[in-house]
ModelCIF file with pLDDT and N, C-alpha, C, O atoms, coordinates in Angstrom:
data_MODEL
#
_entry.id   MODEL 
#
_entity.id                         1 
_entity.type                       polymer 
_entity.pdbx_number_of_molecules   1 
#
_entity_poly.entity_id                      1 
_entity_poly.type                           'polypeptide(L)' 
_entity_poly.nstd_linkage                   no 
_entity_poly.nstd_monomer                   no 
_entity_poly.pdbx_seq_one_letter_code       SGAVRTARLHRAAMLAQTVTTRAMTNGVSWIQVSAFEGRTAHD 
_entity_poly.pdbx_seq_one_letter_code_can   SGAVRTARLHRAAMLAQTVTTRAMTNGVSWIQVSAFEGRTAHD 
_entity_poly.pdbx_strand_id                 A 
#
loop_
_entity_poly_seq.entity_id 
_entity_poly_seq.num 
_entity_poly_seq.mon_id 
_entity_poly_seq.hetero 
1 1  SER n 
1 2  GLY n 
1 3  ALA n 
1 4  VAL n 
1 5  ARG n 
1 6  THR n 
1 7  ALA n 
1 8  ARG n 
1 9  LEU n 
1 10 HIS n 
1 11 ARG n 
1 12 ALA n 
1 13 ALA n 
1 14 MET n 
1 15 LEU n 
1 16 ALA n 
1 17 GLN n 
1 18 THR n 
1 19 VAL n 
1 20 THR n 
1 21 THR n 
1 22 ARG n 
1 23 ALA n 
1 24 MET n 
1 25 THR n 
1 26 ASN n 
1 27 GLY n 
1 28 VAL n 
1 29 SER n 
1 30 TRP n 
1 31 ILE n 
1 32 GLN n 
1 33 VAL n 
1 34 SER n 
1 35 ALA n 
1 36 PHE n 
1 37 GLU n 
1 38 GLY n 
1 39 ARG n 
1 40 THR n 
1 41 ALA n 
1 42 HIS n 
1 43 ASP n 
#
_struct_asym.id          A 
_struct_asym.entity_id   1 
#
loop_
_ma_qa_metric.id 
_ma_qa_metric.mode 
_ma_qa_metric.name 
_ma_qa_metric.software_group_id 
_ma_qa_metric.type 
1 global pLDDT . pLDDT 
2 local  pLDDT . pLDDT 
#
_ma_qa_metric_global.metric_id      1 
_ma_qa_metric_global.metric_value   88.53 
_ma_qa_metric_global.model_id       1 
_ma_qa_metric_global.ordinal_id     1 
#
loop_
_ma_qa_metric_local.label_asym_id 
_ma_qa_metric_local.label_comp_id 
_ma_qa_metric_local.label_seq_id 
_ma_qa_metric_local.metric_id 
_ma_qa_metric_local.metric_value 
_ma_qa_metric_local.model_id 
_ma_qa_metric_local.ordinal_id 
A SER 1  2 87.00 1 1  
A GLY 2  2 86.00 1 2  
A ALA 3  2 91.00 1 3  
A VAL 4  2 92.00 1 4  
A ARG 5  2 94.00 1 5  
A THR 6  2 94.00 1 6  
A ALA 7  2 94.00 1 7  
A ARG 8  2 94.00 1 8  
A LEU 9  2 93.00 1 9  
A HIS 10 2 93.00 1 10 
A ARG 11 2 91.00 1 11 
A ALA 12 2 88.00 1 12 
A ALA 13 2 80.00 1 13 
A MET 14 2 74.00 1 14 
A LEU 15 2 69.00 1 15 
A ALA 16 2 69.00 1 16 
A GLN 17 2 75.00 1 17 
A THR 18 2 84.00 1 18 
A VAL 19 2 90.00 1 19 
A THR 20 2 88.00 1 20 
A THR 21 2 90.00 1 21 
A ARG 22 2 89.00 1 22 
A ALA 23 2 89.00 1 23 
A MET 24 2 89.00 1 24 
A THR 25 2 85.00 1 25 
A ASN 26 2 90.00 1 26 
A GLY 27 2 93.00 1 27 
A VAL 28 2 96.00 1 28 
A SER 29 2 96.00 1 29 
A TRP 30 2 95.00 1 30 
A ILE 31 2 96.00 1 31 
A GLN 32 2 93.00 1 32 
A VAL 33 2 93.00 1 33 
A SER 34 2 87.00 1 34 
A ALA 35 2 86.00 1 35 
A PHE 36 2 90.00 1 36 
A GLU 37 2 86.00 1 37 
A GLY 38 2 84.00 1 38 
A ARG 39 2 86.00 1 39 
A THR 40 2 92.00 1 40 
A ALA 41 2 93.00 1 41 
A HIS 42 2 91.00 1 42 
A ASP 43 2 92.00 1 43 
#
loop_
_atom_site.group_PDB 
_atom_site.id 
_atom_site.type_symbol 
_atom_site.label_atom_id 
_atom_site.label_alt_id 
_atom_site.label_comp_id 
_atom_site.label_asym_id 
_atom_site.label_entity_id 
_atom_site.label_seq_id 
_atom_site.pdbx_PDB_ins_code 
_atom_site.Cartn_x 
_atom_site.Cartn_y 
_atom_site.Cartn_z 
_atom_site.occupancy 
_atom_site.B_iso_or_equiv 
_atom_site.pdbx_formal_charge 
_atom_site.auth_seq_id 
_atom_site.auth_comp_id 
_atom_site.auth_asym_id 
_atom_site.auth_atom_id 
_atom_site.pdbx_PDB_model_num 
ATOM 1   N N  . SER A 1 1  ? -19.161 -10.441 2.098   1.00 87.00 ? 1  SER A N  1 
ATOM 2   C CA . SER A 1 1  ? -20.473 -11.064 2.276   1.00 87.00 ? 1  SER A CA 1 
ATOM 3   C C  . SER A 1 1  ? -21.487 -9.962  2.761   1.00 87.00 ? 1  SER A C  1 
ATOM 4   O O  . SER A 1 1  ? -21.111 -8.827  3.051   1.00 87.00 ? 1  SER A O  1 
ATOM 5   N N  . GLY A 1 2  ? -22.728 -10.350 2.825   1.00 86.00 ? 2  GLY A N  1 
ATOM 6   C CA . GLY A 1 2  ? -23.741 -9.413  3.306   1.00 86.00 ? 2  GLY A CA 1 
ATOM 7   C C  . GLY A 1 2  ? -24.278 -8.536  2.198   1.00 86.00 ? 2  GLY A C  1 
ATOM 8   O O  . GLY A 1 2  ? -24.009 -8.756  1.017   1.00 86.00 ? 2  GLY A O  1 
ATOM 9   N N  . ALA A 1 3  ? -25.053 -7.529  2.606   1.00 91.00 ? 3  ALA A N  1 
ATOM 10  C CA . ALA A 1 3  ? -25.699 -6.627  1.666   1.00 91.00 ? 3  ALA A CA 1 
ATOM 11  C C  . ALA A 1 3  ? -24.666 -5.722  0.981   1.00 91.00 ? 3  ALA A C  1 
ATOM 12  O O  . ALA A 1 3  ? -23.623 -5.397  1.549   1.00 91.00 ? 3  ALA A O  1 
ATOM 13  N N  . VAL A 1 4  ? -24.981 -5.336  -0.226  1.00 92.00 ? 4  VAL A N  1 
ATOM 14  C CA . VAL A 1 4  ? -24.121 -4.413  -0.976  1.00 92.00 ? 4  VAL A CA 1 
ATOM 15  C C  . VAL A 1 4  ? -24.232 -2.989  -0.404  1.00 92.00 ? 4  VAL A C  1 
ATOM 16  O O  . VAL A 1 4  ? -25.340 -2.470  -0.266  1.00 92.00 ? 4  VAL A O  1 
ATOM 17  N N  . ARG A 1 5  ? -23.138 -2.375  -0.082  1.00 94.00 ? 5  ARG A N  1 
ATOM 18  C CA . ARG A 1 5  ? -23.085 -1.026  0.324   1.00 94.00 ? 5  ARG A CA 1 
ATOM 19  C C  . ARG A 1 5  ? -22.637 -0.151  -0.858  1.00 94.00 ? 5  ARG A C  1 
ATOM 20  O O  . ARG A 1 5  ? -21.917 -0.620  -1.738  1.00 94.00 ? 5  ARG A O  1 
ATOM 21  N N  . THR A 1 6  ? -23.058 1.098   -0.874  1.00 94.00 ? 6  THR A N  1 
ATOM 22  C CA . THR A 1 6  ? -22.702 1.993   -1.943  1.00 94.00 ? 6  THR A CA 1 
ATOM 23  C C  . THR A 1 6  ? -21.935 3.155   -1.423  1.00 94.00 ? 6  THR A C  1 
ATOM 24  O O  . THR A 1 6  ? -22.322 3.724   -0.403  1.00 94.00 ? 6  THR A O  1 
ATOM 25  N N  . ALA A 1 7  ? -20.871 3.543   -2.060  1.00 94.00 ? 7  ALA A N  1 
ATOM 26  C CA . ALA A 1 7  ? -20.101 4.720   -1.669  1.00 94.00 ? 7  ALA A CA 1 
ATOM 27  C C  . ALA A 1 7  ? -19.817 5.547   -2.910  1.00 94.00 ? 7  ALA A C  1 
ATOM 28  O O  . ALA A 1 7  ? -19.435 5.012   -3.951  1.00 94.00 ? 7  ALA A O  1 
ATOM 29  N N  . ARG A 1 8  ? -20.005 6.848   -2.794  1.00 94.00 ? 8  ARG A N  1 
ATOM 30  C CA . ARG A 1 8  ? -19.654 7.771   -3.887  1.00 94.00 ? 8  ARG A CA 1 
ATOM 31  C C  . ARG A 1 8  ? -18.246 8.295   -3.629  1.00 94.00 ? 8  ARG A C  1 
ATOM 32  O O  . ARG A 1 8  ? -17.958 8.892   -2.592  1.00 94.00 ? 8  ARG A O  1 
ATOM 33  N N  . LEU A 1 9  ? -17.383 8.051   -4.608  1.00 93.00 ? 9  LEU A N  1 
ATOM 34  C CA . LEU A 1 9  ? -15.981 8.444   -4.508  1.00 93.00 ? 9  LEU A CA 1 
ATOM 35  C C  . LEU A 1 9  ? -15.634 9.418   -5.606  1.00 93.00 ? 9  LEU A C  1 
ATOM 36  O O  . LEU A 1 9  ? -16.296 9.439   -6.644  1.00 93.00 ? 9  LEU A O  1 
ATOM 37  N N  . HIS A 1 10 ? -14.606 10.230  -5.401  1.00 93.00 ? 10 HIS A N  1 
ATOM 38  C CA . HIS A 1 10 ? -14.127 11.133  -6.427  1.00 93.00 ? 10 HIS A CA 1 
ATOM 39  C C  . HIS A 1 10 ? -12.679 10.741  -6.779  1.00 93.00 ? 10 HIS A C  1 
ATOM 40  O O  . HIS A 1 10 ? -11.801 10.731  -5.916  1.00 93.00 ? 10 HIS A O  1 
ATOM 41  N N  . ARG A 1 11 ? -12.451 10.421  -8.051  1.00 91.00 ? 11 ARG A N  1 
ATOM 42  C CA . ARG A 1 11 ? -11.121 9.997   -8.466  1.00 91.00 ? 11 ARG A CA 1 
ATOM 43  C C  . ARG A 1 11 ? -10.075 11.035  -8.128  1.00 91.00 ? 11 ARG A C  1 
ATOM 44  O O  . ARG A 1 11 ? -10.357 12.233  -8.080  1.00 91.00 ? 11 ARG A O  1 
ATOM 45  N N  . ALA A 1 12 ? -8.859  10.561  -7.894  1.00 88.00 ? 12 ALA A N  1 
ATOM 46  C CA . ALA A 1 12 ? -7.756  11.473  -7.584  1.00 88.00 ? 12 ALA A CA 1 
ATOM 47  C C  . ALA A 1 12 ? -6.498  11.073  -8.305  1.00 88.00 ? 12 ALA A C  1 
ATOM 48  O O  . ALA A 1 12 ? -6.294  9.890   -8.575  1.00 88.00 ? 12 ALA A O  1 
ATOM 49  N N  . ALA A 1 13 ? -5.651  12.022  -8.624  1.00 80.00 ? 13 ALA A N  1 
ATOM 50  C CA . ALA A 1 13 ? -4.356  11.743  -9.227  1.00 80.00 ? 13 ALA A CA 1 
ATOM 51  C C  . ALA A 1 13 ? -3.479  11.273  -8.071  1.00 80.00 ? 13 ALA A C  1 
ATOM 52  O O  . ALA A 1 13 ? -3.385  11.939  -7.041  1.00 80.00 ? 13 ALA A O  1 
ATOM 53  N N  . MET A 1 14 ? -2.832  10.106  -8.254  1.00 74.00 ? 14 MET A N  1 
ATOM 54  C CA . MET A 1 14 ? -2.106  9.467   -7.179  1.00 74.00 ? 14 MET A CA 1 
ATOM 55  C C  . MET A 1 14 ? -0.749  8.930   -7.622  1.00 74.00 ? 14 MET A C  1 
ATOM 56  O O  . MET A 1 14 ? -0.536  8.691   -8.810  1.00 74.00 ? 14 MET A O  1 
ATOM 57  N N  . LEU A 1 15 ? 0.137   8.745   -6.709  1.00 69.00 ? 15 LEU A N  1 
ATOM 58  C CA . LEU A 1 15 ? 1.363   8.035   -6.895  1.00 69.00 ? 15 LEU A CA 1 
ATOM 59  C C  . LEU A 1 15 ? 1.255   6.720   -6.161  1.00 69.00 ? 15 LEU A C  1 
ATOM 60  O O  . LEU A 1 15 ? 0.947   6.692   -4.970  1.00 69.00 ? 15 LEU A O  1 
ATOM 61  N N  . ALA A 1 16 ? 1.507   5.624   -6.865  1.00 69.00 ? 16 ALA A N  1 
ATOM 62  C CA . ALA A 1 16 ? 1.366   4.321   -6.265  1.00 69.00 ? 16 ALA A CA 1 
ATOM 63  C C  . ALA A 1 16 ? 2.447   4.129   -5.144  1.00 69.00 ? 16 ALA A C  1 
ATOM 64  O O  . ALA A 1 16 ? 3.620   4.457   -5.321  1.00 69.00 ? 16 ALA A O  1 
ATOM 65  N N  . GLN A 1 17 ? 1.997   3.600   -4.024  1.00 75.00 ? 17 GLN A N  1 
ATOM 66  C CA . GLN A 1 17 ? 2.912   3.292   -2.914  1.00 75.00 ? 17 GLN A CA 1 
ATOM 67  C C  . GLN A 1 17 ? 3.182   1.806   -3.005  1.00 75.00 ? 17 GLN A C  1 
ATOM 68  O O  . GLN A 1 17 ? 2.345   0.976   -2.649  1.00 75.00 ? 17 GLN A O  1 
ATOM 69  N N  . THR A 1 18 ? 4.385   1.487   -3.496  1.00 84.00 ? 18 THR A N  1 
ATOM 70  C CA . THR A 1 18 ? 4.698   0.046   -3.703  1.00 84.00 ? 18 THR A CA 1 
ATOM 71  C C  . THR A 1 18 ? 5.530   -0.538  -2.560  1.00 84.00 ? 18 THR A C  1 
ATOM 72  O O  . THR A 1 18 ? 5.784   -1.743  -2.538  1.00 84.00 ? 18 THR A O  1 
ATOM 73  N N  . VAL A 1 19 ? 5.960   0.306   -1.603  1.00 90.00 ? 19 VAL A N  1 
ATOM 74  C CA . VAL A 1 19 ? 6.809   -0.170  -0.521  1.00 90.00 ? 19 VAL A CA 1 
ATOM 75  C C  . VAL A 1 19 ? 6.104   0.168   0.813   1.00 90.00 ? 19 VAL A C  1 
ATOM 76  O O  . VAL A 1 19 ? 5.775   1.323   1.084   1.00 90.00 ? 19 VAL A O  1 
ATOM 77  N N  . THR A 1 20 ? 5.889   -0.869  1.625   1.00 88.00 ? 20 THR A N  1 
ATOM 78  C CA . THR A 1 20 ? 5.233   -0.643  2.949   1.00 88.00 ? 20 THR A CA 1 
ATOM 79  C C  . THR A 1 20 ? 6.113   -1.302  4.007   1.00 88.00 ? 20 THR A C  1 
ATOM 80  O O  . THR A 1 20 ? 6.663   -2.380  3.784   1.00 88.00 ? 20 THR A O  1 
ATOM 81  N N  . THR A 1 21 ? 6.243   -0.636  5.178   1.00 90.00 ? 21 THR A N  1 
ATOM 82  C CA . THR A 1 21 ? 7.063   -1.171  6.239   1.00 90.00 ? 21 THR A CA 1 
ATOM 83  C C  . THR A 1 21 ? 6.299   -1.194  7.522   1.00 90.00 ? 21 THR A C  1 
ATOM 84  O O  . THR A 1 21 ? 5.369   -0.413  7.722   1.00 90.00 ? 21 THR A O  1 
ATOM 85  N N  . ARG A 1 22 ? 6.694   -2.104  8.408   1.00 89.00 ? 22 ARG A N  1 
ATOM 86  C CA . ARG A 1 22 ? 6.202   -2.058  9.762   1.00 89.00 ? 22 ARG A CA 1 
ATOM 87  C C  . ARG A 1 22 ? 7.166   -2.830  10.670  1.00 89.00 ? 22 ARG A C  1 
ATOM 88  O O  . ARG A 1 22 ? 7.908   -3.708  10.229  1.00 89.00 ? 22 ARG A O  1 
ATOM 89  N N  . ALA A 1 23 ? 7.124   -2.471  11.935  1.00 89.00 ? 23 ALA A N  1 
ATOM 90  C CA . ALA A 1 23 ? 7.987   -3.113  12.908  1.00 89.00 ? 23 ALA A CA 1 
ATOM 91  C C  . ALA A 1 23 ? 7.384   -4.389  13.382  1.00 89.00 ? 23 ALA A C  1 
ATOM 92  O O  . ALA A 1 23 ? 6.183   -4.452  13.646  1.00 89.00 ? 23 ALA A O  1 
ATOM 93  N N  . MET A 1 24 ? 8.229   -5.461  13.501  1.00 89.00 ? 24 MET A N  1 
ATOM 94  C CA . MET A 1 24 ? 7.783   -6.692  14.051  1.00 89.00 ? 24 MET A CA 1 
ATOM 95  C C  . MET A 1 24 ? 8.415   -6.887  15.434  1.00 89.00 ? 24 MET A C  1 
ATOM 96  O O  . MET A 1 24 ? 8.958   -5.940  16.003  1.00 89.00 ? 24 MET A O  1 
ATOM 97  N N  . THR A 1 25 ? 8.351   -8.083  15.966  1.00 85.00 ? 25 THR A N  1 
ATOM 98  C CA . THR A 1 25 ? 8.922   -8.307  17.272  1.00 85.00 ? 25 THR A CA 1 
ATOM 99  C C  . THR A 1 25 ? 10.454  -8.529  17.203  1.00 85.00 ? 25 THR A C  1 
ATOM 100 O O  . THR A 1 25 ? 11.001  -8.872  16.155  1.00 85.00 ? 25 THR A O  1 
ATOM 101 N N  . ASN A 1 26 ? 11.107  -8.325  18.332  1.00 90.00 ? 26 ASN A N  1 
ATOM 102 C CA . ASN A 1 26 ? 12.542  -8.623  18.483  1.00 90.00 ? 26 ASN A CA 1 
ATOM 103 C C  . ASN A 1 26 ? 13.433  -7.811  17.542  1.00 90.00 ? 26 ASN A C  1 
ATOM 104 O O  . ASN A 1 26 ? 14.503  -8.272  17.144  1.00 90.00 ? 26 ASN A O  1 
ATOM 105 N N  . GLY A 1 27 ? 12.986  -6.595  17.187  1.00 93.00 ? 27 GLY A N  1 
ATOM 106 C CA . GLY A 1 27 ? 13.820  -5.770  16.359  1.00 93.00 ? 27 GLY A CA 1 
ATOM 107 C C  . GLY A 1 27 ? 13.868  -6.107  14.892  1.00 93.00 ? 27 GLY A C  1 
ATOM 108 O O  . GLY A 1 27 ? 14.721  -5.592  14.169  1.00 93.00 ? 27 GLY A O  1 
ATOM 109 N N  . VAL A 1 28 ? 12.963  -6.968  14.426  1.00 96.00 ? 28 VAL A N  1 
ATOM 110 C CA . VAL A 1 28 ? 12.870  -7.330  13.030  1.00 96.00 ? 28 VAL A CA 1 
ATOM 111 C C  . VAL A 1 28 ? 11.882  -6.402  12.318  1.00 96.00 ? 28 VAL A C  1 
ATOM 112 O O  . VAL A 1 28 ? 10.829  -6.062  12.857  1.00 96.00 ? 28 VAL A O  1 
ATOM 113 N N  . SER A 1 29 ? 12.254  -5.992  11.069  1.00 96.00 ? 29 SER A N  1 
ATOM 114 C CA . SER A 1 29 ? 11.367  -5.106  10.288  1.00 96.00 ? 29 SER A CA 1 
ATOM 115 C C  . SER A 1 29 ? 10.829  -5.875  9.084   1.00 96.00 ? 29 SER A C  1 
ATOM 116 O O  . SER A 1 29 ? 11.524  -6.684  8.470   1.00 96.00 ? 29 SER A O  1 
ATOM 117 N N  . TRP A 1 30 ? 9.565   -5.591  8.773   1.00 95.00 ? 30 TRP A N  1 
ATOM 118 C CA . TRP A 1 30 ? 8.890   -6.198  7.637   1.00 95.00 ? 30 TRP A CA 1 
ATOM 119 C C  . TRP A 1 30 ? 8.714   -5.173  6.546   1.00 95.00 ? 30 TRP A C  1 
ATOM 120 O O  . TRP A 1 30 ? 8.177   -4.090  6.778   1.00 95.00 ? 30 TRP A O  1 
ATOM 121 N N  . ILE A 1 31 ? 9.177   -5.522  5.328   1.00 96.00 ? 31 ILE A N  1 
ATOM 122 C CA . ILE A 1 31 ? 9.078   -4.613  4.191   1.00 96.00 ? 31 ILE A CA 1 
ATOM 123 C C  . ILE A 1 31 ? 8.365   -5.375  3.062   1.00 96.00 ? 31 ILE A C  1 
ATOM 124 O O  . ILE A 1 31 ? 8.806   -6.429  2.605   1.00 96.00 ? 31 ILE A O  1 
ATOM 125 N N  . GLN A 1 32 ? 7.257   -4.791  2.647   1.00 93.00 ? 32 GLN A N  1 
ATOM 126 C CA . GLN A 1 32 ? 6.538   -5.403  1.516   1.00 93.00 ? 32 GLN A CA 1 
ATOM 127 C C  . GLN A 1 32 ? 6.737   -4.543  0.267   1.00 93.00 ? 32 GLN A C  1 
ATOM 128 O O  . GLN A 1 32 ? 6.631   -3.318  0.311   1.00 93.00 ? 32 GLN A O  1 
ATOM 129 N N  . VAL A 1 33 ? 7.030   -5.226  -0.857  1.00 93.00 ? 33 VAL A N  1 
ATOM 130 C CA . VAL A 1 33 ? 7.131   -4.626  -2.157  1.00 93.00 ? 33 VAL A CA 1 
ATOM 131 C C  . VAL A 1 33 ? 5.974   -5.192  -2.964  1.00 93.00 ? 33 VAL A C  1 
ATOM 132 O O  . VAL A 1 33 ? 6.000   -6.372  -3.314  1.00 93.00 ? 33 VAL A O  1 
ATOM 133 N N  . SER A 1 34 ? 4.962   -4.392  -3.271  1.00 87.00 ? 34 SER A N  1 
ATOM 134 C CA . SER A 1 34 ? 3.779   -4.894  -3.942  1.00 87.00 ? 34 SER A CA 1 
ATOM 135 C C  . SER A 1 34 ? 3.876   -4.907  -5.445  1.00 87.00 ? 34 SER A C  1 
ATOM 136 O O  . SER A 1 34 ? 3.129   -5.629  -6.105  1.00 87.00 ? 34 SER A O  1 
ATOM 137 N N  . ALA A 1 35 ? 4.808   -4.101  -6.021  1.00 86.00 ? 35 ALA A N  1 
ATOM 138 C CA . ALA A 1 35 ? 5.048   -4.076  -7.463  1.00 86.00 ? 35 ALA A CA 1 
ATOM 139 C C  . ALA A 1 35 ? 6.362   -3.339  -7.730  1.00 86.00 ? 35 ALA A C  1 
ATOM 140 O O  . ALA A 1 35 ? 6.901   -2.666  -6.852  1.00 86.00 ? 35 ALA A O  1 
ATOM 141 N N  . PHE A 1 36 ? 6.847   -3.475  -8.914  1.00 90.00 ? 36 PHE A N  1 
ATOM 142 C CA . PHE A 1 36 ? 8.132   -2.791  -9.252  1.00 90.00 ? 36 PHE A CA 1 
ATOM 143 C C  . PHE A 1 36 ? 7.806   -1.673  -10.255 1.00 90.00 ? 36 PHE A C  1 
ATOM 144 O O  . PHE A 1 36 ? 7.581   -1.923  -11.439 1.00 90.00 ? 36 PHE A O  1 
ATOM 145 N N  . GLU A 1 37 ? 7.789   -0.468  -9.756  1.00 86.00 ? 37 GLU A N  1 
ATOM 146 C CA . GLU A 1 37 ? 7.455   0.688   -10.592 1.00 86.00 ? 37 GLU A CA 1 
ATOM 147 C C  . GLU A 1 37 ? 8.599   1.730   -10.511 1.00 86.00 ? 37 GLU A C  1 
ATOM 148 O O  . GLU A 1 37 ? 9.617   1.499   -9.858  1.00 86.00 ? 37 GLU A O  1 
ATOM 149 N N  . GLY A 1 38 ? 8.411   2.837   -11.164 1.00 84.00 ? 38 GLY A N  1 
ATOM 150 C CA . GLY A 1 38 ? 9.472   3.819   -11.350 1.00 84.00 ? 38 GLY A CA 1 
ATOM 151 C C  . GLY A 1 38 ? 10.131  4.255   -10.055 1.00 84.00 ? 38 GLY A C  1 
ATOM 152 O O  . GLY A 1 38 ? 11.343  4.473   -10.042 1.00 84.00 ? 38 GLY A O  1 
ATOM 153 N N  . ARG A 1 39 ? 9.376   4.394   -8.947  1.00 86.00 ? 39 ARG A N  1 
ATOM 154 C CA . ARG A 1 39 ? 9.900   4.906   -7.689  1.00 86.00 ? 39 ARG A CA 1 
ATOM 155 C C  . ARG A 1 39 ? 10.142  3.821   -6.650  1.00 86.00 ? 39 ARG A C  1 
ATOM 156 O O  . ARG A 1 39 ? 10.471  4.130   -5.505  1.00 86.00 ? 39 ARG A O  1 
ATOM 157 N N  . THR A 1 40 ? 9.989   2.581   -7.021  1.00 92.00 ? 40 THR A N  1 
ATOM 158 C CA . THR A 1 40 ? 10.071  1.518   -6.035  1.00 92.00 ? 40 THR A CA 1 
ATOM 159 C C  . THR A 1 40 ? 11.421  1.460   -5.326  1.00 92.00 ? 40 THR A C  1 
ATOM 160 O O  . THR A 1 40 ? 11.466  1.404   -4.097  1.00 92.00 ? 40 THR A O  1 
ATOM 161 N N  . ALA A 1 41 ? 12.527  1.472   -6.083  1.00 93.00 ? 41 ALA A N  1 
ATOM 162 C CA . ALA A 1 41 ? 13.851  1.439   -5.477  1.00 93.00 ? 41 ALA A CA 1 
ATOM 163 C C  . ALA A 1 41 ? 14.073  2.649   -4.633  1.00 93.00 ? 41 ALA A C  1 
ATOM 164 O O  . ALA A 1 41 ? 14.624  2.540   -3.538  1.00 93.00 ? 41 ALA A O  1 
ATOM 165 N N  . HIS A 1 42 ? 13.656  3.833   -5.110  1.00 91.00 ? 42 HIS A N  1 
ATOM 166 C CA . HIS A 1 42 ? 13.776  5.049   -4.304  1.00 91.00 ? 42 HIS A CA 1 
ATOM 167 C C  . HIS A 1 42 ? 13.012  4.930   -2.987  1.00 91.00 ? 42 HIS A C  1 
ATOM 168 O O  . HIS A 1 42 ? 13.524  5.303   -1.931  1.00 91.00 ? 42 HIS A O  1 
ATOM 169 N N  . ASP A 1 43 ? 11.769  4.403   -3.055  1.00 92.00 ? 43 ASP A N  1 
ATOM 170 C CA . ASP A 1 43 ? 10.965  4.273   -1.834  1.00 92.00 ? 43 ASP A CA 1 
ATOM 171 C C  . ASP A 1 43 ? 11.534  3.225   -0.891  1.00 92.00 ? 43 ASP A C  1 
ATOM 172 O O  . ASP A 1 43 ? 10.977  2.992   0.181   1.00 92.00 ? 43 ASP A O  1 
#
């Protein structure tokens, strides 16, 4: 919402990060898999 902001960005060659982790409470870990790509199992 609100006014449109403008940002100038420069494209970059990237490797998709499809696996994200974070610590939760009581020793439980959260792992998100956002897509299944070539390095997903490795990551």
